[in-house]
Amino acid sequence: MAASIPPATVGRLVTYLRVVDEFAAVGVERVSSDELGERAGTSAFQVRKDLATCGRFGTRGSGYTVATLERELRRVLGLTRSWPVAIVGMGRIGQALADYPNFGRQDFVLSGAFDVDPAKVGMRAGSLLIRHLDDLPDVVREHGIEMAFLTVPADAAQDAAKALVGAGVRGLLNFAPAVIHVPAGVFVESVDFVGGLQRLAFALGGRPASTVGIDG
């Protein structure tokens, strides 16, 4: 089922899960599509359409049971188990990810940190010992790692991605400012800070903030 769900829908399902977790944390037991849509920034119609991809478990007129909705969203999103994750590139971004305190609460477990800089190999990053990239295949095999953060410089991104794929990693969250090419069956999500700022510039019309909404 997951492969047939459009990426835009998957993105909204992730948002719905975050909203549902917030409702569950304060003891809410049922939630309507209107409430979900308002918190998620979309319409009730879109919520119902998206959740139909997860199966039929809502009740017309009385909404969704929060516990059931949370369970079904996790099932569809592949979050029914913990995912071991590696970090490749232990610069500032890699170090910040290693120090992030909430991975254990989000179904992901940091299981390896790698670099090629002799000054970093052997040091600790959070709870992880930084290993040389040459050790990647052994650690991936030992921990069953299928995902990795790619936090290397742009000119090293393709080679690092090749090493990860060769070791058996099938999902990359790419922080490098570079387009990387991977074989079929490997998935890449890019975190593009500059691209995000450029989209904001477009949304603001390229004008200084003080002139937005002011006619000439």
N, C-alpha and C. Protein backbone atom coordinates (compact mmCIF):
# COMPACT_ATOMS: atom_id res chain seq x y z
N MET A 1 0.82 -1.21 0.00
CA MET A 1 0.00 0.00 0.00
C MET A 1 0.85 1.26 0.00
N ALA A 2 1.94 1.26 0.82
CA ALA A 2 2.72 2.48 1.00
C ALA A 2 3.26 3.01 -0.31
N ALA A 3 3.71 2.11 -1.20
CA ALA A 3 4.31 2.56 -2.45
C ALA A 3 3.31 3.27 -3.33
N SER A 4 1.99 3.01 -3.13
CA SER A 4 0.97 3.61 -3.99
C SER A 4 0.47 4.94 -3.45
N ILE A 5 0.91 5.35 -2.28
CA ILE A 5 0.46 6.62 -1.70
C ILE A 5 1.35 7.74 -2.21
N PRO A 6 0.77 8.81 -2.79
CA PRO A 6 1.58 9.90 -3.32
C PRO A 6 2.42 10.56 -2.23
N PRO A 7 3.62 11.05 -2.59
CA PRO A 7 4.49 11.69 -1.58
C PRO A 7 3.82 12.83 -0.82
N ALA A 8 3.00 13.64 -1.51
CA ALA A 8 2.34 14.75 -0.83
C ALA A 8 1.40 14.23 0.26
N THR A 9 0.73 13.12 -0.03
CA THR A 9 -0.16 12.52 0.97
C THR A 9 0.65 11.99 2.14
N VAL A 10 1.77 11.34 1.86
CA VAL A 10 2.63 10.83 2.93
C VAL A 10 3.05 11.97 3.85
N GLY A 11 3.41 13.12 3.25
CA GLY A 11 3.80 14.27 4.06
C GLY A 11 2.70 14.72 4.99
N ARG A 12 1.45 14.70 4.50
CA ARG A 12 0.33 15.09 5.37
C ARG A 12 0.06 14.02 6.43
N LEU A 13 0.22 12.75 6.09
CA LEU A 13 0.04 11.69 7.10
C LEU A 13 1.02 11.86 8.25
N VAL A 14 2.26 12.24 7.92
CA VAL A 14 3.26 12.50 8.96
C VAL A 14 2.78 13.63 9.87
N THR A 15 2.22 14.68 9.27
CA THR A 15 1.70 15.79 10.07
C THR A 15 0.52 15.35 10.92
N TYR A 16 -0.37 14.54 10.36
CA TYR A 16 -1.51 14.06 11.15
C TYR A 16 -1.03 13.24 12.35
N LEU A 17 0.00 12.42 12.15
CA LEU A 17 0.51 11.63 13.26
C LEU A 17 1.04 12.53 14.37
N ARG A 18 1.75 13.59 13.99
CA ARG A 18 2.26 14.52 15.00
C ARG A 18 1.10 15.16 15.77
N VAL A 19 0.04 15.55 15.05
CA VAL A 19 -1.13 16.16 15.69
C VAL A 19 -1.82 15.15 16.60
N VAL A 20 -1.99 13.92 16.11
CA VAL A 20 -2.65 12.89 16.91
C VAL A 20 -1.85 12.60 18.17
N ASP A 21 -0.52 12.56 18.07
CA ASP A 21 0.32 12.35 19.26
C ASP A 21 0.10 13.48 20.27
N GLU A 22 -0.07 14.71 19.76
CA GLU A 22 -0.32 15.84 20.67
C GLU A 22 -1.66 15.68 21.38
N PHE A 23 -2.69 15.24 20.65
CA PHE A 23 -4.00 15.00 21.27
C PHE A 23 -3.89 13.90 22.32
N ALA A 24 -3.20 12.81 21.97
CA ALA A 24 -3.06 11.69 22.91
C ALA A 24 -2.34 12.12 24.19
N ALA A 25 -1.36 13.00 24.06
CA ALA A 25 -0.56 13.44 25.21
C ALA A 25 -1.40 14.19 26.24
N VAL A 26 -2.51 14.80 25.80
CA VAL A 26 -3.36 15.54 26.74
C VAL A 26 -4.65 14.80 27.05
N GLY A 27 -4.71 13.52 26.66
CA GLY A 27 -5.83 12.68 27.05
C GLY A 27 -7.06 12.73 26.16
N VAL A 28 -6.96 13.33 24.98
CA VAL A 28 -8.09 13.36 24.05
C VAL A 28 -8.29 11.96 23.48
N GLU A 29 -9.54 11.47 23.49
CA GLU A 29 -9.82 10.10 23.05
C GLU A 29 -10.42 10.03 21.65
N ARG A 30 -11.14 11.07 21.23
CA ARG A 30 -11.70 11.09 19.89
C ARG A 30 -11.40 12.44 19.25
N VAL A 31 -11.27 12.43 17.93
CA VAL A 31 -10.96 13.66 17.22
C VAL A 31 -11.69 13.64 15.88
N SER A 32 -12.18 14.80 15.47
CA SER A 32 -12.91 14.90 14.20
C SER A 32 -11.97 15.31 13.08
N SER A 33 -12.41 15.11 11.84
CA SER A 33 -11.61 15.55 10.70
C SER A 33 -11.48 17.06 10.68
N ASP A 34 -12.48 17.79 11.21
CA ASP A 34 -12.37 19.25 11.29
C ASP A 34 -11.24 19.65 12.25
N GLU A 35 -11.18 18.98 13.40
CA GLU A 35 -10.13 19.29 14.37
C GLU A 35 -8.75 18.94 13.83
N LEU A 36 -8.65 17.77 13.19
CA LEU A 36 -7.37 17.39 12.61
C LEU A 36 -6.95 18.38 11.53
N GLY A 37 -7.88 18.74 10.66
CA GLY A 37 -7.56 19.67 9.57
C GLY A 37 -7.12 21.02 10.08
N GLU A 38 -7.80 21.52 11.12
CA GLU A 38 -7.43 22.83 11.68
C GLU A 38 -6.02 22.80 12.24
N ARG A 39 -5.68 21.75 13.00
CA ARG A 39 -4.35 21.66 13.60
C ARG A 39 -3.27 21.37 12.56
N ALA A 40 -3.65 20.67 11.48
CA ALA A 40 -2.67 20.29 10.46
C ALA A 40 -2.56 21.30 9.33
N GLY A 41 -3.42 22.32 9.34
CA GLY A 41 -3.37 23.34 8.30
C GLY A 41 -3.94 22.91 6.97
N THR A 42 -4.99 22.07 7.01
CA THR A 42 -5.64 21.64 5.78
C THR A 42 -7.14 21.52 6.04
N SER A 43 -7.89 21.04 5.06
CA SER A 43 -9.34 20.98 5.19
C SER A 43 -9.79 19.63 5.73
N ALA A 44 -10.99 19.60 6.29
CA ALA A 44 -11.56 18.34 6.76
C ALA A 44 -11.72 17.36 5.61
N PHE A 45 -12.10 17.86 4.44
CA PHE A 45 -12.23 16.99 3.27
C PHE A 45 -10.90 16.33 2.93
N GLN A 46 -9.81 17.11 2.96
CA GLN A 46 -8.49 16.56 2.65
C GLN A 46 -8.08 15.52 3.68
N VAL A 47 -8.40 15.79 4.96
CA VAL A 47 -8.09 14.82 6.01
C VAL A 47 -8.78 13.50 5.74
N ARG A 48 -10.09 13.55 5.44
CA ARG A 48 -10.83 12.31 5.20
C ARG A 48 -10.29 11.57 3.98
N LYS A 49 -9.97 12.32 2.94
CA LYS A 49 -9.42 11.70 1.73
C LYS A 49 -8.07 11.03 2.01
N ASP A 50 -7.21 11.72 2.75
CA ASP A 50 -5.89 11.16 3.06
C ASP A 50 -6.01 9.92 3.96
N LEU A 51 -6.86 10.02 4.98
CA LEU A 51 -6.97 8.90 5.92
C LEU A 51 -7.63 7.68 5.29
N ALA A 52 -8.36 7.88 4.20
CA ALA A 52 -8.95 6.74 3.49
C ALA A 52 -7.86 5.83 2.94
N THR A 53 -6.64 6.37 2.73
CA THR A 53 -5.54 5.52 2.25
C THR A 53 -5.06 4.56 3.34
N CYS A 54 -5.44 4.83 4.60
CA CYS A 54 -5.02 3.97 5.71
C CYS A 54 -6.04 2.88 6.01
N GLY A 55 -7.21 2.97 5.41
CA GLY A 55 -8.28 2.01 5.71
C GLY A 55 -9.50 2.74 6.22
N ARG A 56 -10.53 1.99 6.53
CA ARG A 56 -11.79 2.58 7.00
C ARG A 56 -11.94 2.29 8.49
N PHE A 57 -11.70 3.30 9.30
CA PHE A 57 -11.81 3.09 10.74
C PHE A 57 -12.41 4.28 11.46
N GLY A 58 -12.85 5.30 10.72
CA GLY A 58 -13.55 6.42 11.32
C GLY A 58 -15.05 6.16 11.34
N THR A 59 -15.80 6.94 12.11
CA THR A 59 -17.25 6.81 12.19
C THR A 59 -17.87 8.14 11.82
N ARG A 60 -18.71 8.12 10.78
CA ARG A 60 -19.34 9.37 10.33
C ARG A 60 -20.10 10.00 11.48
N GLY A 61 -19.81 11.27 11.71
CA GLY A 61 -20.51 12.00 12.76
C GLY A 61 -19.83 11.97 14.11
N SER A 62 -18.92 11.00 14.33
CA SER A 62 -18.26 10.95 15.64
C SER A 62 -16.74 10.92 15.53
N GLY A 63 -16.22 10.99 14.32
CA GLY A 63 -14.79 11.15 14.14
C GLY A 63 -13.99 9.88 14.32
N TYR A 64 -12.74 10.06 14.78
CA TYR A 64 -11.78 8.96 14.87
C TYR A 64 -11.37 8.75 16.33
N THR A 65 -11.21 7.48 16.69
CA THR A 65 -10.61 7.18 17.99
C THR A 65 -9.12 7.46 17.90
N VAL A 66 -8.62 8.29 18.80
CA VAL A 66 -7.23 8.74 18.73
C VAL A 66 -6.26 7.56 18.76
N ALA A 67 -6.48 6.60 19.66
CA ALA A 67 -5.56 5.47 19.77
C ALA A 67 -5.54 4.64 18.49
N THR A 68 -6.71 4.43 17.89
CA THR A 68 -6.78 3.66 16.64
C THR A 68 -6.12 4.41 15.50
N LEU A 69 -6.38 5.71 15.42
CA LEU A 69 -5.80 6.52 14.35
C LEU A 69 -4.28 6.55 14.47
N GLU A 70 -3.78 6.69 15.69
CA GLU A 70 -2.33 6.69 15.89
C GLU A 70 -1.73 5.36 15.44
N ARG A 71 -2.37 4.26 15.82
CA ARG A 71 -1.87 2.93 15.45
C ARG A 71 -1.85 2.74 13.93
N GLU A 72 -2.93 3.15 13.26
CA GLU A 72 -3.02 2.95 11.82
C GLU A 72 -2.05 3.85 11.06
N LEU A 73 -1.88 5.08 11.52
CA LEU A 73 -0.90 5.96 10.88
C LEU A 73 0.50 5.40 11.02
N ARG A 74 0.83 4.89 12.19
CA ARG A 74 2.16 4.29 12.38
C ARG A 74 2.34 3.07 11.49
N ARG A 75 1.30 2.28 11.33
CA ARG A 75 1.40 1.11 10.46
C ARG A 75 1.67 1.51 9.02
N VAL A 76 0.90 2.47 8.52
CA VAL A 76 1.07 2.89 7.13
C VAL A 76 2.43 3.54 6.90
N LEU A 77 2.91 4.29 7.90
CA LEU A 77 4.19 4.99 7.76
C LEU A 77 5.40 4.11 8.07
N GLY A 78 5.17 2.86 8.42
CA GLY A 78 6.29 1.97 8.71
C GLY A 78 6.94 2.21 10.05
N LEU A 79 6.15 2.72 11.01
CA LEU A 79 6.70 3.07 12.32
C LEU A 79 6.24 2.09 13.39
N THR A 80 6.14 0.82 13.02
CA THR A 80 5.75 -0.20 13.99
C THR A 80 6.97 -0.83 14.65
N ARG A 81 8.16 -0.34 14.32
CA ARG A 81 9.39 -0.81 14.95
C ARG A 81 10.38 0.34 15.01
N SER A 82 11.44 0.18 15.76
CA SER A 82 12.50 1.18 15.80
C SER A 82 13.43 1.00 14.60
N TRP A 83 13.90 2.11 14.07
CA TRP A 83 14.80 2.11 12.92
C TRP A 83 16.18 2.57 13.35
N PRO A 84 17.21 1.72 13.23
CA PRO A 84 18.57 2.17 13.49
C PRO A 84 19.06 3.10 12.38
N VAL A 85 19.75 4.16 12.76
CA VAL A 85 20.17 5.20 11.81
C VAL A 85 21.65 5.51 12.02
N ALA A 86 22.36 5.75 10.93
CA ALA A 86 23.76 6.16 10.99
C ALA A 86 23.90 7.63 10.61
N ILE A 87 24.99 8.23 11.05
CA ILE A 87 25.36 9.59 10.62
C ILE A 87 26.70 9.48 9.90
N VAL A 88 26.76 9.99 8.68
CA VAL A 88 28.03 10.02 7.93
C VAL A 88 28.40 11.48 7.71
N GLY A 89 29.50 11.88 8.35
CA GLY A 89 29.94 13.27 8.31
C GLY A 89 29.74 13.92 9.66
N MET A 90 30.80 14.00 10.46
CA MET A 90 30.66 14.48 11.83
C MET A 90 31.16 15.90 12.00
N GLY A 91 30.74 16.77 11.08
CA GLY A 91 30.95 18.20 11.24
C GLY A 91 29.89 18.77 12.18
N ARG A 92 29.58 20.04 12.03
CA ARG A 92 28.66 20.68 12.98
C ARG A 92 27.27 20.07 12.91
N ILE A 93 26.77 19.81 11.69
CA ILE A 93 25.43 19.23 11.58
C ILE A 93 25.41 17.82 12.15
N GLY A 94 26.40 17.01 11.80
CA GLY A 94 26.46 15.66 12.33
C GLY A 94 26.54 15.65 13.84
N GLN A 95 27.37 16.54 14.41
CA GLN A 95 27.48 16.62 15.87
C GLN A 95 26.15 17.01 16.49
N ALA A 96 25.46 17.98 15.87
CA ALA A 96 24.16 18.42 16.41
C ALA A 96 23.14 17.28 16.39
N LEU A 97 23.16 16.49 15.31
CA LEU A 97 22.24 15.35 15.24
C LEU A 97 22.56 14.32 16.31
N ALA A 98 23.85 14.08 16.53
CA ALA A 98 24.25 13.10 17.55
C ALA A 98 23.83 13.56 18.95
N ASP A 99 23.77 14.86 19.16
CA ASP A 99 23.41 15.40 20.47
C ASP A 99 21.91 15.58 20.65
N TYR A 100 21.13 15.36 19.58
CA TYR A 100 19.68 15.57 19.65
C TYR A 100 19.07 14.58 20.63
N PRO A 101 18.31 15.05 21.63
CA PRO A 101 17.91 14.15 22.73
C PRO A 101 16.67 13.31 22.48
N ASN A 102 15.94 13.54 21.39
CA ASN A 102 14.60 12.96 21.28
C ASN A 102 14.47 11.81 20.28
N PHE A 103 15.57 11.29 19.75
CA PHE A 103 15.44 10.22 18.77
C PHE A 103 14.73 9.00 19.36
N GLY A 104 15.02 8.69 20.61
CA GLY A 104 14.41 7.51 21.22
C GLY A 104 12.91 7.61 21.32
N ARG A 105 12.37 8.84 21.32
CA ARG A 105 10.93 9.02 21.40
C ARG A 105 10.28 9.01 20.02
N GLN A 106 11.07 8.98 18.97
CA GLN A 106 10.54 9.12 17.62
C GLN A 106 10.76 7.88 16.75
N ASP A 107 10.96 6.74 17.35
CA ASP A 107 11.07 5.47 16.62
C ASP A 107 12.39 5.29 15.88
N PHE A 108 13.38 6.13 16.16
CA PHE A 108 14.67 6.04 15.48
C PHE A 108 15.78 5.96 16.54
N VAL A 109 16.78 5.13 16.26
CA VAL A 109 17.88 4.92 17.21
C VAL A 109 19.19 5.19 16.50
N LEU A 110 19.96 6.15 17.00
CA LEU A 110 21.27 6.42 16.42
C LEU A 110 22.19 5.24 16.73
N SER A 111 22.74 4.63 15.67
CA SER A 111 23.49 3.39 15.84
C SER A 111 24.88 3.42 15.25
N GLY A 112 25.30 4.55 14.69
CA GLY A 112 26.64 4.63 14.14
C GLY A 112 26.96 6.04 13.69
N ALA A 113 28.22 6.44 13.87
CA ALA A 113 28.70 7.76 13.43
C ALA A 113 30.01 7.55 12.70
N PHE A 114 30.19 8.21 11.55
CA PHE A 114 31.33 7.94 10.69
C PHE A 114 31.92 9.22 10.12
N ASP A 115 33.23 9.18 9.91
CA ASP A 115 33.94 10.29 9.27
C ASP A 115 35.24 9.71 8.70
N VAL A 116 35.91 10.51 7.87
CA VAL A 116 37.21 10.10 7.34
C VAL A 116 38.34 10.95 7.91
N ASP A 117 38.01 11.95 8.71
CA ASP A 117 39.01 12.84 9.30
C ASP A 117 39.67 12.14 10.49
N PRO A 118 40.99 11.89 10.42
CA PRO A 118 41.67 11.21 11.54
C PRO A 118 41.51 11.94 12.87
N ALA A 119 41.31 13.26 12.81
CA ALA A 119 41.15 14.02 14.05
C ALA A 119 39.82 13.74 14.73
N LYS A 120 38.84 13.23 13.98
CA LYS A 120 37.52 12.96 14.55
C LYS A 120 37.33 11.48 14.87
N VAL A 121 37.93 10.61 14.07
CA VAL A 121 37.78 9.17 14.30
C VAL A 121 38.33 8.81 15.68
N GLY A 122 37.53 8.08 16.44
CA GLY A 122 37.93 7.71 17.79
C GLY A 122 37.38 8.63 18.86
N MET A 123 36.87 9.79 18.46
CA MET A 123 36.24 10.70 19.41
C MET A 123 34.79 10.26 19.61
N ARG A 124 34.13 10.88 20.60
CA ARG A 124 32.72 10.56 20.85
C ARG A 124 31.84 11.71 20.40
N ALA A 125 30.66 11.34 19.90
CA ALA A 125 29.63 12.31 19.53
C ALA A 125 28.35 11.85 20.19
N GLY A 126 27.92 12.58 21.23
CA GLY A 126 26.81 12.08 22.02
C GLY A 126 27.18 10.74 22.63
N SER A 127 26.35 9.73 22.40
CA SER A 127 26.63 8.39 22.93
C SER A 127 27.41 7.53 21.95
N LEU A 128 27.78 8.09 20.79
CA LEU A 128 28.38 7.30 19.72
C LEU A 128 29.89 7.48 19.64
N LEU A 129 30.58 6.40 19.34
CA LEU A 129 31.99 6.45 19.01
C LEU A 129 32.11 6.69 17.50
N ILE A 130 32.85 7.71 17.11
CA ILE A 130 33.00 8.00 15.68
C ILE A 130 33.96 6.99 15.07
N ARG A 131 33.49 6.28 14.07
CA ARG A 131 34.27 5.27 13.38
C ARG A 131 34.70 5.79 12.01
N HIS A 132 35.72 5.17 11.45
CA HIS A 132 36.13 5.52 10.09
C HIS A 132 35.11 4.96 9.10
N LEU A 133 34.94 5.66 7.98
CA LEU A 133 33.96 5.22 7.00
C LEU A 133 34.25 3.81 6.50
N ASP A 134 35.50 3.39 6.57
CA ASP A 134 35.84 2.02 6.15
C ASP A 134 35.11 0.97 6.99
N ASP A 135 34.72 1.34 8.22
CA ASP A 135 34.04 0.40 9.11
C ASP A 135 32.54 0.33 8.85
N LEU A 136 32.05 1.15 7.91
CA LEU A 136 30.61 1.26 7.68
C LEU A 136 29.94 -0.09 7.41
N PRO A 137 30.44 -0.93 6.49
CA PRO A 137 29.74 -2.18 6.20
C PRO A 137 29.55 -3.07 7.43
N ASP A 138 30.58 -3.16 8.28
CA ASP A 138 30.48 -4.00 9.47
C ASP A 138 29.42 -3.48 10.44
N VAL A 139 29.39 -2.16 10.65
CA VAL A 139 28.43 -1.58 11.60
C VAL A 139 27.01 -1.68 11.05
N VAL A 140 26.85 -1.43 9.76
CA VAL A 140 25.53 -1.56 9.14
C VAL A 140 25.00 -2.98 9.30
N ARG A 141 25.85 -3.94 9.06
CA ARG A 141 25.45 -5.34 9.19
C ARG A 141 25.14 -5.70 10.65
N GLU A 142 25.96 -5.21 11.56
CA GLU A 142 25.78 -5.54 12.98
C GLU A 142 24.47 -5.00 13.53
N HIS A 143 24.12 -3.77 13.15
CA HIS A 143 22.94 -3.12 13.72
C HIS A 143 21.72 -3.16 12.80
N GLY A 144 21.87 -3.69 11.60
CA GLY A 144 20.74 -3.70 10.67
C GLY A 144 20.33 -2.31 10.22
N ILE A 145 21.31 -1.44 10.00
CA ILE A 145 21.03 -0.05 9.65
C ILE A 145 20.52 0.05 8.21
N GLU A 146 19.39 0.72 8.03
CA GLU A 146 18.82 0.92 6.71
C GLU A 146 18.70 2.39 6.33
N MET A 147 18.90 3.29 7.29
CA MET A 147 18.79 4.73 7.04
C MET A 147 20.05 5.44 7.52
N ALA A 148 20.32 6.60 6.89
CA ALA A 148 21.48 7.38 7.33
C ALA A 148 21.26 8.85 7.06
N PHE A 149 21.83 9.67 7.96
CA PHE A 149 21.98 11.10 7.70
C PHE A 149 23.27 11.28 6.90
N LEU A 150 23.17 12.01 5.82
CA LEU A 150 24.36 12.33 5.01
C LEU A 150 24.69 13.79 5.24
N THR A 151 25.75 14.05 6.01
CA THR A 151 26.06 15.42 6.44
C THR A 151 27.50 15.77 6.09
N VAL A 152 27.90 15.40 4.89
CA VAL A 152 29.26 15.66 4.42
C VAL A 152 29.26 16.88 3.51
N PRO A 153 30.45 17.45 3.19
CA PRO A 153 30.51 18.54 2.22
C PRO A 153 30.00 18.09 0.85
N ALA A 154 29.58 19.07 0.05
CA ALA A 154 28.96 18.77 -1.25
C ALA A 154 29.86 17.91 -2.13
N ASP A 155 31.17 18.20 -2.13
CA ASP A 155 32.06 17.48 -3.03
C ASP A 155 32.32 16.04 -2.58
N ALA A 156 31.90 15.70 -1.38
CA ALA A 156 32.08 14.33 -0.89
C ALA A 156 30.77 13.55 -0.87
N ALA A 157 29.66 14.22 -1.22
CA ALA A 157 28.34 13.61 -1.02
C ALA A 157 28.13 12.37 -1.88
N GLN A 158 28.49 12.43 -3.16
CA GLN A 158 28.23 11.29 -4.03
C GLN A 158 29.03 10.06 -3.60
N ASP A 159 30.29 10.24 -3.26
CA ASP A 159 31.11 9.11 -2.83
C ASP A 159 30.59 8.53 -1.51
N ALA A 160 30.17 9.40 -0.60
CA ALA A 160 29.63 8.92 0.67
C ALA A 160 28.33 8.16 0.45
N ALA A 161 27.49 8.68 -0.45
CA ALA A 161 26.25 7.99 -0.77
C ALA A 161 26.53 6.62 -1.37
N LYS A 162 27.52 6.55 -2.24
CA LYS A 162 27.90 5.26 -2.85
C LYS A 162 28.34 4.27 -1.79
N ALA A 163 29.12 4.74 -0.81
CA ALA A 163 29.57 3.87 0.27
C ALA A 163 28.39 3.37 1.10
N LEU A 164 27.44 4.25 1.38
CA LEU A 164 26.27 3.86 2.15
C LEU A 164 25.44 2.82 1.41
N VAL A 165 25.18 3.07 0.14
CA VAL A 165 24.39 2.14 -0.65
C VAL A 165 25.11 0.79 -0.74
N GLY A 166 26.42 0.84 -0.95
CA GLY A 166 27.19 -0.39 -1.03
C GLY A 166 27.16 -1.19 0.25
N ALA A 167 26.99 -0.51 1.37
CA ALA A 167 26.93 -1.19 2.66
C ALA A 167 25.54 -1.74 2.97
N GLY A 168 24.55 -1.36 2.14
CA GLY A 168 23.20 -1.88 2.34
C GLY A 168 22.19 -0.88 2.85
N VAL A 169 22.57 0.39 2.99
CA VAL A 169 21.64 1.42 3.44
C VAL A 169 20.72 1.81 2.28
N ARG A 170 19.41 1.88 2.57
CA ARG A 170 18.44 2.10 1.49
C ARG A 170 17.70 3.43 1.59
N GLY A 171 17.95 4.20 2.66
CA GLY A 171 17.29 5.48 2.81
C GLY A 171 18.26 6.53 3.30
N LEU A 172 18.38 7.65 2.58
CA LEU A 172 19.33 8.70 2.92
C LEU A 172 18.60 10.01 3.15
N LEU A 173 18.88 10.65 4.28
CA LEU A 173 18.42 12.02 4.52
C LEU A 173 19.61 12.91 4.25
N ASN A 174 19.59 13.59 3.12
CA ASN A 174 20.76 14.29 2.60
C ASN A 174 20.76 15.75 3.01
N PHE A 175 21.74 16.13 3.85
CA PHE A 175 21.92 17.52 4.24
C PHE A 175 22.96 18.22 3.36
N ALA A 176 23.64 17.48 2.52
CA ALA A 176 24.68 18.08 1.67
C ALA A 176 24.03 18.92 0.57
N PRO A 177 24.59 20.09 0.27
CA PRO A 177 24.03 20.94 -0.80
C PRO A 177 24.43 20.40 -2.18
N ALA A 178 23.99 19.19 -2.48
CA ALA A 178 24.35 18.55 -3.74
C ALA A 178 23.26 17.56 -4.12
N VAL A 179 23.08 17.38 -5.41
CA VAL A 179 22.16 16.35 -5.91
C VAL A 179 22.95 15.05 -6.00
N ILE A 180 22.46 14.01 -5.34
CA ILE A 180 23.16 12.74 -5.38
C ILE A 180 22.32 11.73 -6.17
N HIS A 181 23.01 10.81 -6.80
CA HIS A 181 22.36 9.82 -7.65
C HIS A 181 22.49 8.45 -6.99
N VAL A 182 21.37 7.75 -6.90
CA VAL A 182 21.35 6.43 -6.26
C VAL A 182 20.60 5.47 -7.15
N PRO A 183 20.86 4.18 -6.99
CA PRO A 183 20.16 3.19 -7.82
C PRO A 183 18.70 3.03 -7.42
N ALA A 184 17.93 2.39 -8.28
CA ALA A 184 16.53 2.10 -7.98
C ALA A 184 16.45 1.29 -6.69
N GLY A 185 15.42 1.59 -5.89
CA GLY A 185 15.25 0.90 -4.62
C GLY A 185 15.90 1.59 -3.45
N VAL A 186 16.65 2.68 -3.72
CA VAL A 186 17.24 3.51 -2.67
C VAL A 186 16.53 4.85 -2.71
N PHE A 187 16.21 5.39 -1.55
CA PHE A 187 15.40 6.60 -1.47
C PHE A 187 16.18 7.72 -0.80
N VAL A 188 16.03 8.93 -1.35
CA VAL A 188 16.75 10.10 -0.84
C VAL A 188 15.74 11.20 -0.52
N GLU A 189 15.85 11.75 0.68
CA GLU A 189 15.12 12.96 1.06
C GLU A 189 16.17 14.03 1.31
N SER A 190 16.04 15.18 0.64
CA SER A 190 17.03 16.24 0.78
C SER A 190 16.53 17.34 1.69
N VAL A 191 17.40 17.78 2.61
CA VAL A 191 17.13 18.91 3.48
C VAL A 191 17.89 20.10 2.91
N ASP A 192 17.17 21.02 2.30
CA ASP A 192 17.79 22.09 1.53
C ASP A 192 17.46 23.43 2.18
N PHE A 193 18.35 23.91 3.05
CA PHE A 193 18.10 25.16 3.76
C PHE A 193 18.02 26.35 2.82
N VAL A 194 18.98 26.43 1.91
CA VAL A 194 19.02 27.56 0.99
C VAL A 194 17.80 27.53 0.07
N GLY A 195 17.45 26.34 -0.41
CA GLY A 195 16.26 26.23 -1.24
C GLY A 195 15.01 26.69 -0.51
N GLY A 196 14.92 26.36 0.78
CA GLY A 196 13.78 26.83 1.56
C GLY A 196 13.74 28.34 1.66
N LEU A 197 14.90 28.97 1.86
CA LEU A 197 14.95 30.44 1.90
C LEU A 197 14.59 31.03 0.54
N GLN A 198 15.02 30.38 -0.53
CA GLN A 198 14.68 30.87 -1.86
C GLN A 198 13.17 30.78 -2.11
N ARG A 199 12.53 29.73 -1.63
CA ARG A 199 11.08 29.62 -1.79
C ARG A 199 10.37 30.68 -0.97
N LEU A 200 10.92 30.99 0.22
CA LEU A 200 10.34 32.08 1.01
C LEU A 200 10.49 33.41 0.30
N ALA A 201 11.67 33.63 -0.33
CA ALA A 201 11.88 34.87 -1.08
C ALA A 201 10.85 34.99 -2.20
N PHE A 202 10.57 33.88 -2.88
CA PHE A 202 9.56 33.90 -3.93
C PHE A 202 8.18 34.23 -3.36
N ALA A 203 7.85 33.60 -2.20
CA ALA A 203 6.55 33.84 -1.58
C ALA A 203 6.38 35.30 -1.17
N LEU A 204 7.49 35.93 -0.77
CA LEU A 204 7.44 37.33 -0.37
C LEU A 204 7.55 38.28 -1.55
N GLY A 205 7.66 37.72 -2.74
CA GLY A 205 7.67 38.55 -3.94
C GLY A 205 8.98 39.25 -4.20
N GLY A 206 10.03 38.86 -3.50
CA GLY A 206 11.32 39.49 -3.74
C GLY A 206 11.41 40.91 -3.25
N ARG A 207 10.45 41.33 -2.42
CA ARG A 207 10.43 42.71 -1.94
C ARG A 207 10.90 42.79 -0.49
N PRO A 208 11.44 43.91 -0.08
CA PRO A 208 11.79 44.08 1.34
C PRO A 208 10.55 43.91 2.19
N ALA A 209 10.71 43.37 3.41
CA ALA A 209 9.58 43.09 4.29
C ALA A 209 8.75 44.34 4.55
N SER A 210 9.39 45.53 4.60
CA SER A 210 8.67 46.75 4.94
C SER A 210 7.70 47.17 3.86
N THR A 211 7.84 46.62 2.63
CA THR A 211 6.96 47.03 1.54
C THR A 211 5.87 46.01 1.25
N VAL A 212 5.92 44.83 1.91
CA VAL A 212 4.94 43.78 1.63
C VAL A 212 3.55 44.29 2.03
N GLY A 213 2.60 44.20 1.10
CA GLY A 213 1.25 44.61 1.38
C GLY A 213 1.01 46.11 1.26
N ILE A 214 2.01 46.88 0.81
CA ILE A 214 1.85 48.34 0.65
C ILE A 214 1.84 48.69 -0.82
N ASP A 215 0.77 49.28 -1.30
CA ASP A 215 0.69 49.69 -2.70
C ASP A 215 1.54 50.92 -2.93
N GLY A 216 2.11 50.97 -4.17
CA GLY A 216 2.99 52.09 -4.49
C GLY A 216 2.28 53.40 -4.51
